[in-house]
Amino acid sequence: MKPEIICDKCSFEFLLDKLEIEESTVKRSGKIEMCIVQYFKCLQCGQKYIVVVYDDHLNELNRKYAALMKNHGCMSLTKFKVKGESLKKQIVAEESMLQHLYMKQHKSALKTL
């Protein structure tokens, strides 16, 4: 069953139908970087709800994590756990930072859809 959502802006109730994807930019450490934004919108008022923002660096961290999960055979359990936890922390921190930067830098676009 699809989750029912109540829009914070207009209180319209709707089912999550699909995620939309757009390319955008974030400014990080003085550089403009391309990123991908996944979001959904209220069907009534168009309020945008960000699900995830990712870039090449985050994609690389996720690839490393997936590779670790597939190819950990010769690694000790302790080393596997430490490395896995370290990568997960990096991924969560990167996701959070990118979403924060995107939302901070694109406030007007989020409010006026």
N, C-alpha and C. Protein backbone atom coordinates (compact mmCIF):
# COMPACT_ATOMS: atom_id res chain seq x y z
N MET A 1 0.84 -1.19 0.00
CA MET A 1 0.00 0.00 0.00
C MET A 1 0.88 1.25 0.00
N LYS A 2 0.53 2.20 -0.81
CA LYS A 2 1.28 3.45 -0.88
C LYS A 2 0.96 4.31 0.34
N PRO A 3 2.00 4.98 0.88
CA PRO A 3 1.76 5.80 2.06
C PRO A 3 0.93 7.05 1.75
N GLU A 4 0.03 7.38 2.67
CA GLU A 4 -0.76 8.59 2.54
C GLU A 4 0.01 9.75 3.14
N ILE A 5 -0.03 10.87 2.47
CA ILE A 5 0.73 12.04 2.89
C ILE A 5 -0.23 13.20 3.09
N ILE A 6 0.02 13.99 4.11
CA ILE A 6 -0.74 15.21 4.35
C ILE A 6 0.24 16.38 4.18
N CYS A 7 -0.06 17.24 3.24
CA CYS A 7 0.81 18.37 2.92
C CYS A 7 0.88 19.33 4.11
N ASP A 8 2.08 19.73 4.47
CA ASP A 8 2.28 20.70 5.54
C ASP A 8 1.76 22.08 5.17
N LYS A 9 1.76 22.39 3.89
CA LYS A 9 1.40 23.73 3.43
C LYS A 9 -0.11 23.91 3.28
N CYS A 10 -0.79 22.95 2.64
CA CYS A 10 -2.22 23.13 2.35
C CYS A 10 -3.12 22.07 2.98
N SER A 11 -2.54 21.10 3.68
CA SER A 11 -3.27 20.02 4.36
C SER A 11 -3.98 19.05 3.42
N PHE A 12 -3.65 19.10 2.15
CA PHE A 12 -4.23 18.16 1.18
C PHE A 12 -3.68 16.76 1.45
N GLU A 13 -4.54 15.76 1.41
CA GLU A 13 -4.12 14.37 1.62
C GLU A 13 -3.99 13.70 0.26
N PHE A 14 -2.87 13.01 0.07
CA PHE A 14 -2.64 12.33 -1.21
C PHE A 14 -1.75 11.12 -0.99
N LEU A 15 -1.75 10.24 -1.98
CA LEU A 15 -0.89 9.07 -1.96
C LEU A 15 0.39 9.39 -2.71
N LEU A 16 1.50 8.91 -2.19
CA LEU A 16 2.77 9.08 -2.87
C LEU A 16 2.74 8.25 -4.13
N ASP A 17 2.72 8.92 -5.25
CA ASP A 17 2.58 8.27 -6.55
C ASP A 17 3.94 7.96 -7.17
N LYS A 18 4.81 8.97 -7.18
CA LYS A 18 6.12 8.79 -7.82
C LYS A 18 7.09 9.83 -7.27
N LEU A 19 8.36 9.51 -7.39
CA LEU A 19 9.41 10.47 -7.07
C LEU A 19 9.83 11.14 -8.36
N GLU A 20 10.05 12.42 -8.29
CA GLU A 20 10.55 13.15 -9.44
C GLU A 20 12.04 13.37 -9.24
N ILE A 21 12.74 13.55 -10.33
CA ILE A 21 14.19 13.71 -10.29
C ILE A 21 14.56 14.94 -11.11
N GLU A 22 15.48 15.72 -10.56
CA GLU A 22 15.99 16.87 -11.32
C GLU A 22 17.47 17.04 -11.04
N GLU A 23 18.17 17.58 -12.02
CA GLU A 23 19.56 17.95 -11.82
C GLU A 23 19.59 19.36 -11.26
N SER A 24 20.51 19.61 -10.37
CA SER A 24 20.64 20.92 -9.78
C SER A 24 22.11 21.16 -9.42
N THR A 25 22.36 22.18 -8.66
CA THR A 25 23.72 22.48 -8.22
C THR A 25 23.72 22.80 -6.74
N VAL A 26 24.86 22.59 -6.11
CA VAL A 26 25.10 23.06 -4.75
C VAL A 26 26.49 23.69 -4.75
N LYS A 27 26.62 24.71 -3.95
CA LYS A 27 27.93 25.34 -3.79
C LYS A 27 28.54 24.78 -2.52
N ARG A 28 29.70 24.13 -2.68
CA ARG A 28 30.38 23.52 -1.55
C ARG A 28 31.86 23.89 -1.61
N SER A 29 32.36 24.41 -0.52
CA SER A 29 33.76 24.82 -0.42
C SER A 29 34.15 25.75 -1.57
N GLY A 30 33.23 26.66 -1.91
CA GLY A 30 33.51 27.64 -2.95
C GLY A 30 33.37 27.14 -4.37
N LYS A 31 33.04 25.86 -4.55
CA LYS A 31 32.89 25.28 -5.88
C LYS A 31 31.43 24.92 -6.13
N ILE A 32 30.99 25.10 -7.36
CA ILE A 32 29.64 24.68 -7.76
C ILE A 32 29.71 23.23 -8.22
N GLU A 33 28.89 22.37 -7.63
CA GLU A 33 28.87 20.95 -7.98
C GLU A 33 27.48 20.55 -8.48
N MET A 34 27.46 19.67 -9.44
CA MET A 34 26.19 19.11 -9.91
C MET A 34 25.69 18.08 -8.92
N CYS A 35 24.37 18.04 -8.75
CA CYS A 35 23.77 17.02 -7.89
C CYS A 35 22.44 16.59 -8.50
N ILE A 36 21.95 15.49 -8.01
CA ILE A 36 20.65 14.97 -8.41
C ILE A 36 19.74 15.07 -7.19
N VAL A 37 18.52 15.57 -7.39
CA VAL A 37 17.57 15.74 -6.31
C VAL A 37 16.36 14.86 -6.60
N GLN A 38 16.01 14.01 -5.64
CA GLN A 38 14.78 13.22 -5.75
C GLN A 38 13.78 13.82 -4.78
N TYR A 39 12.55 14.01 -5.24
CA TYR A 39 11.54 14.66 -4.42
C TYR A 39 10.15 14.24 -4.89
N PHE A 40 9.15 14.61 -4.10
CA PHE A 40 7.78 14.49 -4.55
C PHE A 40 7.10 15.82 -4.25
N LYS A 41 5.97 16.06 -4.92
CA LYS A 41 5.25 17.32 -4.74
C LYS A 41 3.82 17.04 -4.32
N CYS A 42 3.27 17.98 -3.54
CA CYS A 42 1.86 17.93 -3.21
C CYS A 42 1.07 18.09 -4.51
N LEU A 43 0.07 17.25 -4.69
CA LEU A 43 -0.72 17.29 -5.91
C LEU A 43 -1.64 18.50 -5.96
N GLN A 44 -1.89 19.11 -4.81
CA GLN A 44 -2.77 20.27 -4.74
C GLN A 44 -2.02 21.59 -4.94
N CYS A 45 -1.01 21.84 -4.10
CA CYS A 45 -0.35 23.16 -4.11
C CYS A 45 1.06 23.14 -4.71
N GLY A 46 1.63 21.95 -4.94
CA GLY A 46 2.95 21.86 -5.55
C GLY A 46 4.10 21.95 -4.57
N GLN A 47 3.82 21.98 -3.26
CA GLN A 47 4.90 22.02 -2.26
C GLN A 47 5.85 20.85 -2.51
N LYS A 48 7.13 21.16 -2.53
CA LYS A 48 8.16 20.18 -2.86
C LYS A 48 8.72 19.58 -1.57
N TYR A 49 8.82 18.24 -1.52
CA TYR A 49 9.39 17.53 -0.38
C TYR A 49 10.61 16.74 -0.85
N ILE A 50 11.78 17.15 -0.38
CA ILE A 50 13.04 16.53 -0.78
C ILE A 50 13.18 15.18 -0.09
N VAL A 51 13.52 14.15 -0.85
CA VAL A 51 13.76 12.82 -0.31
C VAL A 51 15.26 12.61 -0.16
N VAL A 52 16.02 12.89 -1.22
CA VAL A 52 17.47 12.71 -1.16
C VAL A 52 18.14 13.61 -2.20
N VAL A 53 19.33 14.06 -1.85
CA VAL A 53 20.18 14.80 -2.77
C VAL A 53 21.50 14.02 -2.84
N TYR A 54 21.96 13.74 -4.06
CA TYR A 54 23.22 13.01 -4.17
C TYR A 54 24.07 13.56 -5.30
N ASP A 55 25.37 13.30 -5.17
CA ASP A 55 26.33 13.75 -6.16
C ASP A 55 27.31 12.61 -6.44
N ASP A 56 28.33 12.89 -7.23
CA ASP A 56 29.30 11.85 -7.60
C ASP A 56 30.02 11.28 -6.37
N HIS A 57 30.36 12.14 -5.43
CA HIS A 57 31.07 11.67 -4.23
C HIS A 57 30.20 10.71 -3.42
N LEU A 58 28.94 11.05 -3.24
CA LEU A 58 28.02 10.17 -2.51
C LEU A 58 27.81 8.86 -3.27
N ASN A 59 27.70 8.94 -4.58
CA ASN A 59 27.57 7.72 -5.39
C ASN A 59 28.79 6.81 -5.20
N GLU A 60 29.99 7.41 -5.16
CA GLU A 60 31.21 6.63 -4.98
C GLU A 60 31.23 5.95 -3.61
N LEU A 61 30.82 6.67 -2.57
CA LEU A 61 30.74 6.07 -1.23
C LEU A 61 29.77 4.89 -1.22
N ASN A 62 28.64 5.05 -1.88
CA ASN A 62 27.66 3.95 -1.95
C ASN A 62 28.20 2.77 -2.74
N ARG A 63 28.96 3.03 -3.81
CA ARG A 63 29.58 1.93 -4.57
C ARG A 63 30.60 1.19 -3.70
N LYS A 64 31.40 1.94 -2.93
CA LYS A 64 32.38 1.31 -2.04
C LYS A 64 31.68 0.44 -1.00
N TYR A 65 30.58 0.93 -0.46
CA TYR A 65 29.85 0.17 0.55
C TYR A 65 29.28 -1.11 -0.07
N ALA A 66 28.69 -0.98 -1.25
CA ALA A 66 28.13 -2.16 -1.92
C ALA A 66 29.23 -3.17 -2.24
N ALA A 67 30.39 -2.70 -2.68
CA ALA A 67 31.51 -3.60 -2.99
C ALA A 67 31.99 -4.30 -1.72
N LEU A 68 32.04 -3.57 -0.61
CA LEU A 68 32.43 -4.18 0.66
C LEU A 68 31.46 -5.28 1.06
N MET A 69 30.17 -5.04 0.88
CA MET A 69 29.15 -6.04 1.24
C MET A 69 29.28 -7.30 0.37
N LYS A 70 29.70 -7.14 -0.88
CA LYS A 70 29.83 -8.28 -1.79
C LYS A 70 31.16 -9.02 -1.60
N ASN A 71 32.23 -8.29 -1.34
CA ASN A 71 33.57 -8.87 -1.39
C ASN A 71 34.31 -8.74 -0.07
N HIS A 72 33.76 -9.28 0.97
CA HIS A 72 34.41 -9.18 2.28
C HIS A 72 34.99 -10.52 2.73
N GLY A 73 35.03 -11.47 1.83
CA GLY A 73 35.41 -12.84 2.17
C GLY A 73 36.73 -13.02 2.90
N CYS A 74 37.78 -12.35 2.51
CA CYS A 74 39.09 -12.56 3.12
C CYS A 74 39.35 -11.61 4.29
N MET A 75 38.38 -10.79 4.62
CA MET A 75 38.54 -9.80 5.68
C MET A 75 38.04 -10.39 7.01
N SER A 76 38.70 -10.05 8.09
CA SER A 76 38.24 -10.51 9.41
C SER A 76 36.90 -9.84 9.72
N LEU A 77 36.10 -10.48 10.55
CA LEU A 77 34.79 -9.94 10.91
C LEU A 77 34.93 -8.57 11.57
N THR A 78 35.92 -8.42 12.43
CA THR A 78 36.13 -7.14 13.11
C THR A 78 36.45 -6.03 12.11
N LYS A 79 37.37 -6.32 11.21
CA LYS A 79 37.75 -5.32 10.20
C LYS A 79 36.55 -5.00 9.30
N PHE A 80 35.78 -6.01 8.94
CA PHE A 80 34.59 -5.83 8.11
C PHE A 80 33.59 -4.89 8.80
N LYS A 81 33.33 -5.15 10.08
CA LYS A 81 32.38 -4.31 10.82
C LYS A 81 32.87 -2.88 10.93
N VAL A 82 34.14 -2.70 11.24
CA VAL A 82 34.70 -1.36 11.40
C VAL A 82 34.62 -0.59 10.08
N LYS A 83 35.04 -1.24 9.01
CA LYS A 83 35.03 -0.59 7.70
C LYS A 83 33.60 -0.28 7.24
N GLY A 84 32.69 -1.23 7.46
CA GLY A 84 31.29 -1.03 7.08
C GLY A 84 30.66 0.12 7.85
N GLU A 85 30.88 0.16 9.16
CA GLU A 85 30.33 1.24 9.98
C GLU A 85 30.91 2.59 9.59
N SER A 86 32.19 2.61 9.29
CA SER A 86 32.84 3.85 8.88
C SER A 86 32.23 4.38 7.58
N LEU A 87 32.04 3.50 6.60
CA LEU A 87 31.44 3.91 5.34
C LEU A 87 30.00 4.37 5.53
N LYS A 88 29.23 3.66 6.37
CA LYS A 88 27.84 4.07 6.63
C LYS A 88 27.79 5.46 7.24
N LYS A 89 28.68 5.74 8.19
CA LYS A 89 28.72 7.07 8.82
C LYS A 89 29.06 8.15 7.80
N GLN A 90 30.00 7.85 6.92
CA GLN A 90 30.38 8.81 5.87
C GLN A 90 29.19 9.08 4.94
N ILE A 91 28.46 8.02 4.58
CA ILE A 91 27.32 8.15 3.68
C ILE A 91 26.22 9.00 4.33
N VAL A 92 25.90 8.70 5.57
CA VAL A 92 24.85 9.45 6.27
C VAL A 92 25.25 10.92 6.41
N ALA A 93 26.51 11.18 6.76
CA ALA A 93 26.98 12.56 6.91
C ALA A 93 26.92 13.30 5.58
N GLU A 94 27.34 12.63 4.51
CA GLU A 94 27.33 13.25 3.18
C GLU A 94 25.90 13.54 2.73
N GLU A 95 24.98 12.57 2.92
CA GLU A 95 23.58 12.78 2.55
C GLU A 95 22.99 13.98 3.29
N SER A 96 23.23 14.02 4.58
CA SER A 96 22.70 15.11 5.41
C SER A 96 23.26 16.46 4.97
N MET A 97 24.56 16.52 4.76
CA MET A 97 25.21 17.77 4.37
C MET A 97 24.70 18.25 3.01
N LEU A 98 24.60 17.35 2.03
CA LEU A 98 24.12 17.73 0.71
C LEU A 98 22.68 18.24 0.75
N GLN A 99 21.83 17.54 1.50
CA GLN A 99 20.43 17.97 1.59
C GLN A 99 20.35 19.34 2.26
N HIS A 100 21.13 19.54 3.32
CA HIS A 100 21.13 20.83 4.01
C HIS A 100 21.59 21.95 3.06
N LEU A 101 22.69 21.72 2.35
CA LEU A 101 23.19 22.72 1.42
C LEU A 101 22.16 23.03 0.33
N TYR A 102 21.56 21.99 -0.23
CA TYR A 102 20.57 22.19 -1.29
C TYR A 102 19.40 23.02 -0.77
N MET A 103 18.86 22.63 0.38
CA MET A 103 17.69 23.32 0.90
C MET A 103 18.02 24.77 1.28
N LYS A 104 19.19 25.01 1.82
CA LYS A 104 19.62 26.35 2.18
C LYS A 104 19.80 27.22 0.94
N GLN A 105 20.40 26.66 -0.09
CA GLN A 105 20.72 27.42 -1.30
C GLN A 105 19.55 27.55 -2.26
N HIS A 106 18.49 26.73 -2.08
CA HIS A 106 17.36 26.75 -3.00
C HIS A 106 16.04 27.01 -2.27
N LYS A 107 16.09 27.79 -1.20
CA LYS A 107 14.88 28.08 -0.41
C LYS A 107 13.74 28.62 -1.25
N SER A 108 14.02 29.59 -2.10
CA SER A 108 12.96 30.21 -2.88
C SER A 108 12.32 29.22 -3.84
N ALA A 109 13.09 28.34 -4.42
CA ALA A 109 12.53 27.34 -5.35
C ALA A 109 11.64 26.35 -4.62
N LEU A 110 11.95 26.06 -3.37
CA LEU A 110 11.15 25.11 -2.60
C LEU A 110 9.81 25.72 -2.20
N LYS A 111 9.75 27.02 -2.02
CA LYS A 111 8.53 27.68 -1.56
C LYS A 111 7.59 28.08 -2.69
N THR A 112 8.13 28.30 -3.87
CA THR A 112 7.32 28.89 -4.93
C THR A 112 7.13 27.98 -6.12
N LEU A 113 6.60 26.82 -5.90
CA LEU A 113 6.38 25.91 -7.03
C LEU A 113 5.00 26.06 -7.59
